[in-house]
Structures are given as C-alpha cells and as structure tokens.
Amino acid sequence: MNEREPEFTDGFELGRLDPARWIPAYLPQWSSRERAAARHHIEGGRLVLEVAPDQQPWCPQWDGDLRVSSIQTGLFSGRVGSPIGQQRFGSGVVVREAQPELRLYTPRYGRVEIRAAATAVPDAMVALWMIGFEDHPDHAGESCVMEIFSRDLGPGVASIGMGVHPHHDPRLVEDFERVEAAIDATTLHDYAAEWTPAGIRWEIDARTVRATDQSPGYPMQLMLGLYSFAAVTPDTPPPRFVVESVRGFAPRAGRAA
C-alpha cells in the first residue's frame, strides 16, 4: 500500500471523464479529434474503454487498420503539415489537425499506479504508458507501466510488458521485457512504476518485478488505451479495458533533483 497522498487521481467517480484530467482522443494531431475519439463510459465508478463494431481505424494513412480507444493527460503539436508532435510513430507522419497545447498532468519523476483488468478478446492490447511531452524533439522517450496483449494471457498466467522505449531520445536505449506473472489479468490487478532520477522500478500487485537504471529526465504524460488490431464484428463481444483507478504521486522528498 502506498502511504503517500496522490497528486493526480482519475476522477472516474464523477460518472464521466473529467476534462481537467483527461483528453479523450488518441494522438489526434496525426488524425483528428473525431477520428481518434475514445469510445468509453463509466460503469460502477470504473472507466470502460471499448472498441465498437462501427469504429473506424484511427489513422489509416499511417497506422493501417488499428482501432484505438485511448485517453491522455497532455497534448502538443505543431502546425498542419509539420512533423512536430508527440509520438512520431512512423516515417513521414505530419500533423493533419493542429491541437492546442494542454498540460493536464505531466510529472517529472514520481510514481504512477493503475488498477485494471485486461481483455481476452483476440487481437487486442491494453496499456498504460508515459511519453515525453515532446515540446523538445529529444524529449520523446516512453516508459511503459503495463502492456498486455490478449495473446499473452493463459489460465492463471499472463505476460506483462514493461520497460523503456527510446523512440527519438538518443540518450535512451531499448529496455523492454515481458514479465510472466501468475495472475488472471482479466480480473483487477495493481501495476505501478516508481520513477526517480536514478531509474525506474516496476511492480505487479505491490511486488517489484523489474528495474532499470535508465530515467527520462523530462516531463511525461499518461497514455491509457485499448488497441484492436482487427475489426470488431457485431456477433462477438467487443474488447473492453476496465480501469478502476489511476493515480500519480510526487517524488519522495530528495529524489527529484
């Protein structure tokens, strides 16, 4: 149990997404707010992200058939036609719809926790990750708190992705691992990342499972999402990512120099 008071809480108890906490669209600068909008609702005080049968790919020009329902805590992009923006995920991407700069929650060091249940629907993935705000092009690293593909779920066991992706940050190197855990990840479990200037430590259900001495030294934002790699049909259950809580904590005293 974390004894610190959170500096960020999700607000799901409001019965709706709080616009002071979350932007309900996935990297809309590369697509549009409309196309990248998250399908979501609040159910019993929990956030449910869904990919619906009528949902179209979020960015077909550069990301194929991927359908996404994702929310985030920051937004930065350049002008239409420029390559400036967060998560330049492919060669040749340019801004299709300029976005206002928003810094709803962009910590530099601290702790992030999530309590959530993954989906077993085939060809789907759920994740909580942090990305550099990227107002400077090198501030582009990623710290993945948890990433679970439905293909990595088995009876009483799951492989949980966690680690660092450098993307466009030359100071970082790839350091990512799928950690096997003896859990049913389709039920609620706790995942956390403790981020200090000395590195990052990851936990599953309050147990440390891996660590790195790499540490992005710039503000990062939360990205909370559900990804479907195939179209959803009306005849099958839609993929759902159930999130009970997301919390962020300031660094412990003396650890954010």
Protein backbone atom coordinates (compact mmCIF):
# COMPACT_ATOMS: atom_id res chain seq x y z
CA MET A 1 0.00 0.00 0.00
CA ASN A 2 1.35 3.43 -0.91
CA GLU A 3 1.40 5.77 2.09
CA ARG A 4 1.77 8.97 0.03
CA GLU A 5 -1.15 11.17 -0.92
CA PRO A 6 -1.70 11.25 -4.71
CA GLU A 7 -1.17 14.46 -6.63
CA PHE A 8 -3.28 13.06 -9.50
CA THR A 9 -6.41 10.92 -9.30
CA ASP A 10 -8.51 9.78 -12.23
CA GLY A 11 -11.88 11.31 -11.34
CA PHE A 12 -13.93 8.35 -12.58
CA GLU A 13 -16.18 8.73 -9.54
CA LEU A 14 -17.68 11.78 -11.29
CA GLY A 15 -19.56 9.43 -13.62
CA ARG A 16 -17.86 10.95 -16.68
CA LEU A 17 -14.35 11.76 -17.84
CA ASP A 18 -13.11 14.96 -16.23
CA PRO A 19 -11.78 17.33 -18.95
CA ALA A 20 -9.44 18.83 -16.36
CA ARG A 21 -7.72 15.43 -16.13
CA TRP A 22 -8.14 13.62 -19.47
CA ILE A 23 -8.18 14.31 -23.21
CA PRO A 24 -10.48 11.64 -24.72
CA ALA A 25 -8.63 11.13 -28.01
CA TYR A 26 -5.51 9.27 -29.15
CA LEU A 27 -2.72 11.45 -30.57
CA PRO A 28 -5.30 13.46 -32.52
CA GLN A 29 -2.72 15.65 -34.27
CA TRP A 30 -1.90 12.78 -36.67
CA SER A 31 -5.57 12.18 -37.45
CA SER A 32 -8.37 14.29 -35.97
CA ARG A 33 -10.26 14.65 -32.70
CA GLU A 34 -13.25 12.99 -34.31
CA ARG A 35 -11.42 10.03 -35.82
CA ALA A 36 -9.22 9.48 -32.75
CA ALA A 37 -12.04 9.82 -30.20
CA ALA A 38 -12.19 7.19 -27.46
CA ARG A 39 -15.28 5.04 -27.04
CA HIS A 40 -15.81 4.95 -23.31
CA HIS A 41 -18.26 5.03 -20.44
CA ILE A 42 -18.22 4.86 -16.65
CA GLU A 43 -19.65 1.70 -15.13
CA GLY A 44 -19.90 1.37 -11.36
CA GLY A 45 -17.26 4.04 -10.84
CA ARG A 46 -14.85 2.36 -13.24
CA LEU A 47 -13.75 3.52 -16.66
CA VAL A 48 -14.56 1.15 -19.51
CA LEU A 49 -12.75 1.73 -22.80
CA GLU A 50 -14.26 -0.15 -25.73
CA VAL A 51 -13.70 -0.69 -29.43
CA ALA A 52 -17.11 -0.87 -31.08
CA PRO A 53 -18.16 -2.66 -34.29
CA ASP A 54 -18.75 0.64 -36.10
CA GLN A 55 -15.42 2.13 -35.02
CA GLN A 56 -13.06 3.03 -37.86
CA PRO A 57 -9.23 2.91 -37.82
CA TRP A 58 -7.87 5.93 -36.02
CA CYS A 59 -5.19 6.85 -38.60
CA PRO A 60 -5.41 4.59 -41.67
CA GLN A 61 -2.92 6.59 -43.74
CA TRP A 62 -0.04 5.75 -41.41
CA ASP A 63 -1.28 3.13 -38.96
CA GLY A 64 -3.33 0.76 -41.09
CA ASP A 65 -6.38 -0.93 -39.57
CA LEU A 66 -5.55 -0.22 -35.93
CA ARG A 67 -8.57 0.88 -33.91
CA VAL A 68 -7.94 2.70 -30.66
CA SER A 69 -9.86 3.99 -27.66
CA SER A 70 -7.34 5.92 -25.59
CA ILE A 71 -7.22 8.91 -23.26
CA GLN A 72 -4.22 11.06 -22.31
CA THR A 73 -3.14 13.81 -19.93
CA GLY A 74 -1.26 16.12 -22.30
CA LEU A 75 -1.22 17.32 -25.89
CA PHE A 76 1.35 19.07 -28.05
CA SER A 77 1.61 19.50 -31.81
CA GLY A 78 2.97 21.79 -34.48
CA ARG A 79 1.15 23.36 -37.39
CA VAL A 80 -0.77 21.39 -40.03
CA GLY A 81 1.71 19.78 -42.40
CA SER A 82 4.60 19.84 -39.92
CA PRO A 83 6.24 16.70 -38.43
CA ILE A 84 6.12 18.22 -34.94
CA GLY A 85 4.05 16.33 -32.42
CA GLN A 86 4.02 13.65 -29.78
CA GLN A 87 4.82 10.03 -30.64
CA ARG A 88 6.06 10.39 -34.21
CA PHE A 89 5.26 6.73 -34.70
CA GLY A 90 6.05 6.33 -38.39
CA SER A 91 8.19 7.71 -41.17
CA GLY A 92 6.58 10.63 -42.95
CA VAL A 93 3.83 11.39 -40.44
CA VAL A 94 2.72 15.01 -40.43
CA VAL A 95 0.14 16.94 -38.45
CA ARG A 96 -3.31 16.58 -40.00
CA GLU A 97 -5.20 18.60 -37.39
CA ALA A 98 -3.40 21.16 -35.19
CA GLN A 99 -4.13 20.84 -31.48
CA PRO A 100 -3.98 23.26 -28.55
CA GLU A 101 -1.17 22.73 -26.08
CA LEU A 102 -2.52 21.08 -22.92
CA ARG A 103 -0.58 20.01 -19.83
CA LEU A 104 -3.19 18.40 -17.59
CA TYR A 105 -0.80 16.06 -15.78
CA THR A 106 2.84 15.95 -16.88
CA PRO A 107 5.03 14.89 -13.96
CA ARG A 108 8.82 14.76 -13.86
CA TYR A 109 9.59 11.75 -11.65
CA GLY A 110 7.24 10.17 -9.14
CA ARG A 111 5.02 7.12 -9.03
CA VAL A 112 2.17 6.02 -11.27
CA GLU A 113 -0.31 3.30 -10.29
CA ILE A 114 -3.18 1.62 -12.09
CA ARG A 115 -5.71 -1.00 -11.01
CA ALA A 116 -7.23 -2.57 -14.10
CA ALA A 117 -8.44 -5.69 -15.92
CA ALA A 118 -7.23 -6.66 -19.40
CA THR A 119 -9.32 -8.09 -22.24
CA ALA A 120 -9.12 -11.66 -23.54
CA VAL A 121 -10.80 -10.76 -26.84
CA PRO A 122 -8.40 -11.82 -29.62
CA ASP A 123 -6.19 -9.31 -31.45
CA ALA A 124 -6.35 -6.70 -28.68
CA MET A 125 -3.97 -5.00 -26.27
CA VAL A 126 -4.34 -2.72 -23.24
CA ALA A 127 -1.71 -0.40 -21.81
CA LEU A 128 -0.77 2.44 -19.52
CA TRP A 129 2.35 4.19 -20.71
CA MET A 130 4.10 7.51 -20.24
CA ILE A 131 5.56 9.57 -23.07
CA GLY A 132 7.65 12.70 -23.11
CA PHE A 133 5.61 15.85 -23.64
CA GLU A 134 7.88 16.39 -26.65
CA ASP A 135 7.88 20.17 -26.80
CA HIS A 136 11.58 19.49 -27.38
CA PRO A 137 12.14 16.83 -30.10
CA ASP A 138 14.53 14.79 -27.91
CA HIS A 139 12.00 14.59 -25.06
CA ALA A 140 10.43 11.61 -26.76
CA GLY A 141 11.12 8.56 -24.61
CA GLU A 142 8.48 6.15 -23.36
CA SER A 143 8.10 4.40 -20.03
CA CYS A 144 5.53 1.61 -20.24
CA VAL A 145 3.87 0.92 -16.88
CA MET A 146 1.95 -2.11 -18.19
CA GLU A 147 1.07 -3.56 -21.59
CA ILE A 148 -0.97 -6.74 -22.01
CA PHE A 149 -1.78 -8.42 -25.33
CA SER A 150 -4.70 -10.84 -25.30
CA ARG A 151 -2.41 -13.40 -26.97
CA ASP A 152 -0.22 -13.33 -23.83
CA LEU A 153 -2.99 -14.45 -21.49
CA GLY A 154 -3.31 -18.03 -20.28
CA PRO A 155 -5.06 -19.91 -17.47
CA GLY A 156 -3.75 -18.22 -14.33
CA VAL A 157 -0.77 -16.66 -16.08
CA ALA A 158 -0.03 -13.53 -18.09
CA SER A 159 2.97 -11.87 -19.72
CA ILE A 160 3.05 -8.17 -18.79
CA GLY A 161 5.10 -5.82 -20.93
CA MET A 162 7.03 -3.08 -19.13
CA GLY A 163 10.12 -1.05 -19.78
CA VAL A 164 11.64 1.82 -21.74
CA HIS A 165 11.45 2.64 -25.45
CA PRO A 166 13.80 5.41 -26.62
CA HIS A 167 11.88 6.46 -29.74
CA HIS A 168 13.58 9.75 -30.68
CA ASP A 169 15.58 10.23 -27.47
CA PRO A 170 19.25 9.44 -28.26
CA ARG A 171 20.11 9.22 -24.54
CA LEU A 172 17.95 6.12 -24.03
CA VAL A 173 18.30 2.56 -25.28
CA GLU A 174 15.65 -0.11 -25.76
CA ASP A 175 15.00 -1.84 -22.43
CA PHE A 176 11.66 -3.66 -22.54
CA GLU A 177 10.60 -7.03 -21.20
CA ARG A 178 7.51 -9.20 -20.94
CA VAL A 179 7.39 -10.37 -17.33
CA GLU A 180 5.48 -13.57 -16.63
CA ALA A 181 3.11 -13.27 -13.68
CA ALA A 182 0.95 -15.96 -12.06
CA ILE A 183 -2.26 -13.91 -12.25
CA ASP A 184 -5.53 -13.84 -14.13
CA ALA A 185 -5.01 -10.46 -15.77
CA THR A 186 -8.62 -10.32 -16.95
CA THR A 187 -9.51 -9.56 -13.32
CA LEU A 188 -8.44 -6.44 -11.44
CA HIS A 189 -4.76 -6.20 -10.53
CA ASP A 190 -2.38 -3.44 -9.47
CA TYR A 191 0.51 -2.26 -11.64
CA ALA A 192 2.93 0.54 -10.77
CA ALA A 193 6.11 2.30 -11.85
CA GLU A 194 8.33 4.23 -9.45
CA TRP A 195 10.37 6.75 -11.46
CA THR A 196 13.37 8.56 -9.98
CA PRO A 197 16.43 10.28 -11.47
CA ALA A 198 18.33 7.02 -10.84
CA GLY A 199 15.94 4.77 -12.76
CA ILE A 200 12.52 3.11 -12.87
CA ARG A 201 11.15 0.20 -10.84
CA TRP A 202 8.03 -1.74 -11.87
CA GLU A 203 5.59 -3.60 -9.64
CA ILE A 204 2.73 -6.05 -10.05
CA ASP A 205 0.41 -6.33 -7.03
CA ALA A 206 2.94 -4.45 -4.85
CA ARG A 207 5.80 -6.82 -5.78
CA THR A 208 8.84 -5.47 -7.63
CA VAL A 209 9.28 -7.44 -10.87
CA ARG A 210 11.92 -5.49 -12.80
CA ALA A 211 14.03 -2.33 -12.77
CA THR A 212 16.28 -0.21 -14.97
CA ASP A 213 18.87 2.49 -14.35
CA GLN A 214 17.54 4.50 -17.30
CA SER A 215 15.42 7.53 -16.49
CA PRO A 216 13.93 10.10 -18.86
CA GLY A 217 14.69 13.44 -17.24
CA TYR A 218 11.82 15.50 -18.59
CA PRO A 219 8.05 15.83 -18.04
CA MET A 220 5.95 12.92 -19.26
CA GLN A 221 2.22 12.42 -19.70
CA LEU A 222 -0.06 9.44 -19.20
CA MET A 223 -1.48 7.43 -22.12
CA LEU A 224 -4.22 4.96 -21.17
CA GLY A 225 -5.58 2.89 -24.00
CA LEU A 226 -7.19 -0.10 -25.65
CA TYR A 227 -5.99 -1.21 -29.09
CA SER A 228 -7.72 -3.57 -31.51
CA PHE A 229 -5.69 -4.99 -34.39
CA ALA A 230 -8.74 -6.36 -36.18
CA ALA A 231 -12.24 -5.11 -36.93
CA VAL A 232 -14.84 -5.89 -34.28
CA THR A 233 -17.97 -7.66 -35.53
CA PRO A 234 -21.48 -7.30 -34.06
CA ASP A 235 -21.52 -11.08 -33.45
CA THR A 236 -18.62 -11.12 -30.97
CA PRO A 237 -18.01 -9.39 -27.64
CA PRO A 238 -16.12 -6.12 -28.09
CA PRO A 239 -12.73 -5.71 -26.43
CA ARG A 240 -13.03 -3.81 -23.13
CA PHE A 241 -10.40 -2.32 -20.85
CA VAL A 242 -11.81 -1.90 -17.34
CA VAL A 243 -9.88 0.60 -15.21
CA GLU A 244 -10.78 1.01 -11.57
CA SER A 245 -8.21 3.68 -10.75
CA VAL A 246 -5.18 5.62 -11.97
CA ARG A 247 -3.10 7.62 -9.51
CA GLY A 248 0.05 9.70 -9.69
CA PHE A 249 2.32 10.61 -6.79
CA ALA A 250 5.01 13.25 -6.43
CA PRO A 251 8.58 12.03 -5.97
CA ARG A 252 9.67 11.17 -2.47
CA ALA A 253 11.48 14.03 -0.76
CA GLY A 254 15.03 14.39 -2.02
CA ARG A 255 14.58 12.18 -5.12
CA ALA A 256 13.64 14.71 -7.81
CA ALA A 257 16.83 16.72 -8.12
